[in-house]
Amino acid sequence: MLTIVYQILPLFLIILLGGLFGYGNKNFNEKTVTELNRYAYYIGFPTIIINSFLSIDTIPKVEIQTAFINVIILTAFMFFVIWITGKLFKNERLQNTYFVCAIFGNVAYLGFPLVYSIDANYSTSLSLHIAGYLLVMFTLGIAKLEISKNKGELNYSKLAKSIVLNPLLLGTFIGIMITVLGISIPDVGKRTIGMLSASASPVVLFALGIFIAKNKIVKSSLAHASAISILKLIVLPFIFYGLSRTIFTDFTMPVSIIMAAMPVAITPFVLSEIYDMDKKIIVSAIIMSTILASFWLPLVIGWA
């Protein structure tokens, strides 16, 4: 429990710092939030994606198979959430909010250090897990968001161009090519990518604090945030747990279960700046799921 609190506490401290600046300084406003999020979207997160692939070196066959299974499960879960929210809500903004938050957990900034602290031998497996989440979200997920964004004027050539040139997809493609082709990146390049990727999370958390200071959290957003937290913290890990005990018994799934139980990542907050999603619900879901995770994750780790 203390390990989890230790990993989560810096996230809240940076959010608090952003909130203090947002509350007490007029120069830190909604425009600041937009600019910080755009930096993360166009520079920070693409380098995070590339950096996650750079950490993959020698990959045991069983880890590749497990990662492939993870991608299948995550993809199926994403389409399930899209389908069920489509039945429940006619509002496409809500549908987008739910599926992005439900699929994208804080696997990089909370999941990796947490599981690594439990067993350092999981490092390669963790890198593959993070790559799997990035691959699903920034290919199929971004494609869905782009289609939703351009629905009113659906020009297929324009849509294809916007998907192909999406910075997150480009980062995923570059990362895959580096790994598959065995491209060697000079140390100075690795350090540069590492520094840029390390800047993304603090920048977005700071922006999140400013946004909270400038906006009241409405009660209606808490109901949706609760539903998203249940999907993210309980439903998804139980799917992994159930499949690991029935169908995929020959594969190493403990890491999959723990990573599936991570709270909502800050990435949806950045994406809400570009795509049609409810930013207030996303903020509530990030905070609520992160707080609940500090109590829930020790239980998940125990039965994973």
Protein backbone atom coordinates (compact mmCIF):
# COMPACT_ATOMS: atom_id res chain seq x y z
CA MET A 1 0.00 0.00 0.00
CA LEU A 2 2.76 2.47 0.94
CA THR A 3 4.55 1.69 -2.35
CA ILE A 4 1.42 2.61 -4.31
CA VAL A 5 0.88 5.81 -2.30
CA TYR A 6 4.55 6.69 -2.88
CA GLN A 7 4.05 6.30 -6.66
CA ILE A 8 0.76 8.24 -6.74
CA LEU A 9 1.62 11.13 -4.39
CA PRO A 10 3.90 13.06 -6.83
CA LEU A 11 1.04 13.06 -9.38
CA PHE A 12 -1.26 14.85 -6.95
CA LEU A 13 1.46 17.24 -5.79
CA ILE A 14 2.05 18.43 -9.36
CA ILE A 15 -1.73 18.77 -9.90
CA LEU A 16 -1.90 20.77 -6.65
CA LEU A 17 0.94 23.02 -7.81
CA GLY A 18 -0.87 23.68 -11.10
CA GLY A 19 -4.05 24.40 -9.16
CA LEU A 20 -2.28 26.94 -6.95
CA PHE A 21 -0.90 28.78 -9.99
CA GLY A 22 -4.26 28.56 -11.75
CA TYR A 23 -6.11 29.94 -8.73
CA GLY A 24 -3.71 32.70 -7.80
CA ASN A 25 -2.28 33.90 -11.12
CA LYS A 26 -4.33 35.28 -14.02
CA ASN A 27 -1.53 34.44 -16.48
CA PHE A 28 -2.27 30.74 -15.96
CA ASN A 29 -5.65 30.30 -17.63
CA GLU A 30 -7.57 28.13 -20.11
CA LYS A 31 -5.24 29.24 -22.91
CA THR A 32 -2.29 27.97 -20.86
CA VAL A 33 -4.02 24.60 -20.47
CA THR A 34 -4.55 24.38 -24.23
CA GLU A 35 -0.93 25.25 -25.04
CA LEU A 36 0.50 22.81 -22.48
CA ASN A 37 -1.76 20.03 -23.74
CA ARG A 38 -0.78 20.73 -27.34
CA TYR A 39 2.89 20.47 -26.39
CA ALA A 40 2.18 17.07 -24.84
CA TYR A 41 0.12 15.96 -27.85
CA TYR A 42 2.57 16.98 -30.58
CA ILE A 43 5.91 16.46 -28.78
CA GLY A 44 5.68 14.85 -25.35
CA PHE A 45 3.47 11.83 -25.98
CA PRO A 46 5.00 10.87 -29.36
CA THR A 47 8.41 10.74 -27.66
CA ILE A 48 6.94 8.67 -24.81
CA ILE A 49 5.73 6.16 -27.39
CA ILE A 50 9.10 6.02 -29.15
CA ASN A 51 10.92 5.80 -25.83
CA SER A 52 8.80 2.83 -24.72
CA PHE A 53 9.84 0.91 -27.85
CA LEU A 54 13.50 1.82 -27.33
CA SER A 55 13.48 -0.05 -24.00
CA ILE A 56 12.52 -3.31 -25.74
CA ASP A 57 15.65 -5.35 -26.44
CA THR A 58 15.66 -9.14 -26.27
CA ILE A 59 12.10 -10.45 -26.16
CA PRO A 60 11.27 -14.01 -25.04
CA LYS A 61 8.74 -15.72 -27.29
CA VAL A 62 6.23 -16.23 -24.48
CA GLU A 63 6.27 -12.48 -23.74
CA ILE A 64 5.53 -11.68 -27.40
CA GLN A 65 2.62 -14.14 -27.33
CA THR A 66 1.29 -12.63 -24.09
CA ALA A 67 1.58 -9.12 -25.52
CA PHE A 68 -0.32 -10.22 -28.63
CA ILE A 69 -3.09 -11.66 -26.44
CA ASN A 70 -3.22 -8.38 -24.50
CA VAL A 71 -3.72 -6.42 -27.72
CA ILE A 72 -6.60 -8.73 -28.75
CA ILE A 73 -8.30 -8.39 -25.34
CA LEU A 74 -7.85 -4.61 -25.24
CA THR A 75 -9.19 -4.26 -28.78
CA ALA A 76 -12.24 -6.40 -28.00
CA PHE A 77 -12.86 -4.44 -24.78
CA MET A 78 -12.58 -1.12 -26.62
CA PHE A 79 -15.18 -2.15 -29.19
CA PHE A 80 -17.41 -3.51 -26.42
CA VAL A 81 -17.33 -0.13 -24.62
CA ILE A 82 -18.00 1.69 -27.91
CA TRP A 83 -20.96 -0.63 -28.57
CA ILE A 84 -22.50 -0.45 -25.08
CA THR A 85 -22.11 3.35 -24.80
CA GLY A 86 -23.62 3.66 -28.26
CA LYS A 87 -26.69 1.86 -26.93
CA LEU A 88 -26.82 3.93 -23.73
CA PHE A 89 -25.92 7.39 -25.01
CA LYS A 90 -26.89 9.18 -28.19
CA ASN A 91 -24.25 11.79 -27.40
CA GLU A 92 -21.09 10.88 -29.33
CA ARG A 93 -18.98 13.07 -27.05
CA LEU A 94 -19.93 10.81 -24.13
CA GLN A 95 -19.19 7.69 -26.18
CA ASN A 96 -15.71 8.98 -27.03
CA THR A 97 -15.08 9.96 -23.40
CA TYR A 98 -16.01 6.52 -22.11
CA PHE A 99 -14.05 4.37 -24.54
CA VAL A 100 -10.85 6.43 -24.33
CA CYS A 101 -10.89 6.58 -20.51
CA ALA A 102 -11.88 2.91 -20.11
CA ILE A 103 -9.10 1.61 -22.35
CA PHE A 104 -6.20 3.90 -21.49
CA GLY A 105 -4.80 3.39 -18.01
CA ASN A 106 -1.78 4.98 -16.38
CA VAL A 107 0.46 2.10 -17.45
CA ALA A 108 3.60 4.18 -18.06
CA TYR A 109 3.88 6.55 -15.09
CA LEU A 110 2.21 4.39 -12.44
CA GLY A 111 2.08 0.85 -13.81
CA PHE A 112 5.72 0.50 -14.86
CA PRO A 113 7.38 1.74 -11.63
CA LEU A 114 4.83 -0.08 -9.45
CA VAL A 115 5.21 -3.50 -11.07
CA TYR A 116 8.97 -3.02 -11.51
CA SER A 117 9.25 -2.39 -7.76
CA ILE A 118 7.52 -5.74 -7.17
CA ASP A 119 9.80 -7.69 -9.51
CA ALA A 120 12.50 -6.12 -11.72
CA ASN A 121 12.49 -9.24 -13.93
CA TYR A 122 9.23 -7.96 -15.41
CA SER A 123 10.96 -5.04 -17.19
CA THR A 124 10.75 -6.46 -20.73
CA SER A 125 7.20 -7.65 -20.17
CA LEU A 126 6.23 -4.19 -18.90
CA SER A 127 7.65 -2.48 -21.98
CA LEU A 128 5.64 -4.80 -24.20
CA HIS A 129 2.49 -4.13 -22.19
CA ILE A 130 2.91 -0.37 -22.52
CA ALA A 131 3.59 -0.74 -26.25
CA GLY A 132 0.41 -2.83 -26.57
CA TYR A 133 -1.76 -0.16 -24.93
CA LEU A 134 -0.18 2.53 -27.10
CA LEU A 135 -0.68 0.44 -30.22
CA VAL A 136 -4.39 -0.14 -29.60
CA MET A 137 -5.19 3.40 -28.48
CA PHE A 138 -3.14 5.25 -31.05
CA THR A 139 -4.21 3.19 -34.05
CA LEU A 140 -7.81 1.99 -33.70
CA GLY A 141 -8.63 4.49 -30.95
CA ILE A 142 -7.34 7.53 -32.82
CA ALA A 143 -9.01 6.30 -36.02
CA LYS A 144 -12.35 6.20 -34.18
CA LEU A 145 -11.81 9.71 -32.79
CA GLU A 146 -10.78 11.05 -36.19
CA ILE A 147 -13.90 9.57 -37.80
CA SER A 148 -16.03 11.16 -35.08
CA LYS A 149 -14.25 14.50 -35.51
CA ASN A 150 -14.77 14.57 -39.28
CA LYS A 151 -18.23 13.01 -39.34
CA GLY A 152 -19.98 16.17 -40.46
CA GLU A 153 -17.78 16.47 -43.56
CA LEU A 154 -16.60 12.93 -44.13
CA ASN A 155 -13.96 13.26 -46.82
CA TYR A 156 -12.16 9.91 -46.94
CA SER A 157 -8.90 11.24 -48.38
CA LYS A 158 -8.82 14.00 -45.77
CA LEU A 159 -9.70 11.50 -43.05
CA ALA A 160 -6.95 9.10 -44.16
CA LYS A 161 -4.43 11.95 -44.22
CA SER A 162 -5.40 13.16 -40.73
CA ILE A 163 -5.05 9.61 -39.37
CA VAL A 164 -1.71 8.91 -41.07
CA LEU A 165 -0.23 12.27 -40.02
CA ASN A 166 -1.47 12.03 -36.44
CA PRO A 167 1.61 12.63 -34.22
CA LEU A 168 0.68 9.76 -31.88
CA LEU A 169 0.30 7.33 -34.75
CA LEU A 170 3.56 8.55 -36.25
CA GLY A 171 5.27 7.97 -32.92
CA THR A 172 3.85 4.44 -32.79
CA PHE A 173 4.98 3.70 -36.36
CA ILE A 174 8.49 5.06 -35.73
CA GLY A 175 8.77 3.04 -32.51
CA ILE A 176 7.67 -0.17 -34.24
CA MET A 177 10.12 0.39 -37.11
CA ILE A 178 13.01 1.01 -34.71
CA THR A 179 12.22 -2.23 -32.86
CA VAL A 180 11.48 -4.45 -35.87
CA LEU A 181 14.41 -3.23 -37.97
CA GLY A 182 16.81 -3.15 -35.01
CA ILE A 183 17.77 0.47 -35.70
CA SER A 184 20.50 1.70 -33.37
CA ILE A 185 19.88 5.13 -31.86
CA PRO A 186 22.98 7.05 -30.64
CA ASP A 187 23.14 7.72 -26.91
CA VAL A 188 22.65 11.46 -27.44
CA GLY A 189 19.44 10.70 -29.37
CA LYS A 190 18.19 8.34 -26.64
CA ARG A 191 18.87 10.94 -23.97
CA THR A 192 17.07 13.63 -25.96
CA ILE A 193 14.02 11.39 -26.49
CA GLY A 194 14.13 10.41 -22.82
CA MET A 195 14.19 14.03 -21.65
CA LEU A 196 11.29 15.03 -23.92
CA SER A 197 9.23 12.01 -22.88
CA ALA A 198 9.90 12.73 -19.20
CA SER A 199 8.55 16.27 -19.64
CA ALA A 200 5.12 15.23 -20.91
CA SER A 201 3.57 13.91 -17.70
CA PRO A 202 4.50 16.87 -15.41
CA VAL A 203 3.33 19.33 -18.08
CA VAL A 204 -0.08 17.67 -18.41
CA LEU A 205 -0.52 17.20 -14.66
CA PHE A 206 0.27 20.90 -14.16
CA ALA A 207 -2.28 21.79 -16.86
CA LEU A 208 -4.79 19.50 -15.15
CA GLY A 209 -4.33 21.46 -11.92
CA ILE A 210 -4.93 24.76 -13.70
CA PHE A 211 -8.07 23.37 -15.35
CA ILE A 212 -9.46 22.19 -11.98
CA ALA A 213 -8.79 25.62 -10.45
CA LYS A 214 -10.64 27.38 -13.27
CA ASN A 215 -13.62 25.00 -13.48
CA LYS A 216 -16.09 23.61 -10.98
CA ILE A 217 -16.55 19.84 -11.02
CA VAL A 218 -20.29 19.34 -11.65
CA LYS A 219 -22.24 16.52 -10.00
CA SER A 220 -23.27 15.01 -13.33
CA SER A 221 -19.62 14.39 -14.19
CA LEU A 222 -19.14 12.39 -10.96
CA ALA A 223 -21.75 9.80 -11.99
CA HIS A 224 -19.98 9.23 -15.32
CA ALA A 225 -16.59 9.25 -13.60
CA SER A 226 -17.83 6.53 -11.24
CA ALA A 227 -19.00 4.37 -14.15
CA ILE A 228 -15.67 4.86 -15.96
CA SER A 229 -13.74 4.00 -12.77
CA ILE A 230 -15.70 0.75 -12.44
CA LEU A 231 -14.96 -0.16 -16.07
CA LYS A 232 -11.29 0.71 -15.71
CA LEU A 233 -10.45 -0.57 -12.22
CA ILE A 234 -12.76 -3.58 -11.93
CA VAL A 235 -14.27 -4.79 -15.22
CA LEU A 236 -11.11 -4.76 -17.36
CA PRO A 237 -8.78 -6.50 -14.84
CA PHE A 238 -11.46 -9.11 -14.10
CA ILE A 239 -11.70 -9.85 -17.82
CA PHE A 240 -7.94 -10.45 -17.89
CA TYR A 241 -8.17 -12.48 -14.68
CA GLY A 242 -11.02 -14.65 -15.98
CA LEU A 243 -9.33 -15.33 -19.31
CA SER A 244 -6.02 -16.14 -17.60
CA ARG A 245 -7.79 -18.80 -15.52
CA THR A 246 -9.76 -20.34 -18.38
CA ILE A 247 -8.39 -19.82 -21.90
CA PHE A 248 -4.85 -18.43 -21.56
CA THR A 249 -3.60 -20.62 -18.71
CA ASP A 250 -0.24 -21.26 -20.42
CA PHE A 251 0.74 -17.58 -20.54
CA THR A 252 2.23 -15.21 -17.96
CA MET A 253 -0.73 -12.97 -17.16
CA PRO A 254 -0.09 -11.44 -13.70
CA VAL A 255 1.42 -8.31 -15.22
CA SER A 256 -1.52 -8.08 -17.63
CA ILE A 257 -4.00 -8.16 -14.75
CA ILE A 258 -2.17 -5.53 -12.70
CA MET A 259 -1.65 -3.21 -15.67
CA ALA A 260 -5.33 -3.53 -16.61
CA ALA A 261 -6.24 -2.25 -13.12
CA MET A 262 -4.32 1.01 -13.49
CA PRO A 263 -6.39 4.20 -13.05
CA VAL A 264 -7.34 6.44 -15.97
CA ALA A 265 -4.26 7.99 -17.57
CA ILE A 266 -3.74 11.70 -18.20
CA THR A 267 -3.63 11.04 -21.96
CA PRO A 268 -7.44 11.41 -22.40
CA PHE A 269 -7.18 14.90 -20.91
CA VAL A 270 -4.72 15.84 -23.66
CA LEU A 271 -6.81 14.18 -26.37
CA SER A 272 -9.88 16.15 -25.22
CA GLU A 273 -8.11 19.28 -26.44
CA ILE A 274 -8.08 17.89 -29.99
CA TYR A 275 -11.12 15.61 -30.15
CA ASP A 276 -14.77 15.80 -29.12
CA MET A 277 -14.78 14.56 -25.52
CA ASP A 278 -16.11 15.84 -22.20
CA LYS A 279 -13.12 17.34 -20.41
CA LYS A 280 -14.88 17.72 -17.03
CA ILE A 281 -15.83 14.04 -16.94
CA ILE A 282 -12.28 13.08 -17.88
CA VAL A 283 -10.79 15.20 -15.08
CA SER A 284 -13.22 13.68 -12.56
CA ALA A 285 -12.44 10.16 -13.82
CA ILE A 286 -8.67 10.70 -13.57
CA ILE A 287 -8.87 11.98 -10.00
CA MET A 288 -11.49 9.49 -8.78
CA SER A 289 -9.89 6.40 -10.32
CA THR A 290 -6.43 7.41 -9.09
CA ILE A 291 -7.64 7.85 -5.52
CA LEU A 292 -9.55 4.56 -5.60
CA ALA A 293 -6.54 2.79 -7.13
CA SER A 294 -4.46 3.45 -4.01
CA PHE A 295 -6.85 1.16 -2.11
CA TRP A 296 -7.76 -1.23 -4.93
CA LEU A 297 -4.36 -2.05 -6.43
CA PRO A 298 -2.97 -3.86 -3.34
CA LEU A 299 -5.92 -6.28 -3.61
CA VAL A 300 -5.35 -6.79 -7.35
CA ILE A 301 -1.65 -7.44 -6.78
CA GLY A 302 -2.59 -10.00 -4.14
CA TRP A 303 -4.81 -12.12 -6.38
CA ALA A 304 -3.04 -11.55 -9.70
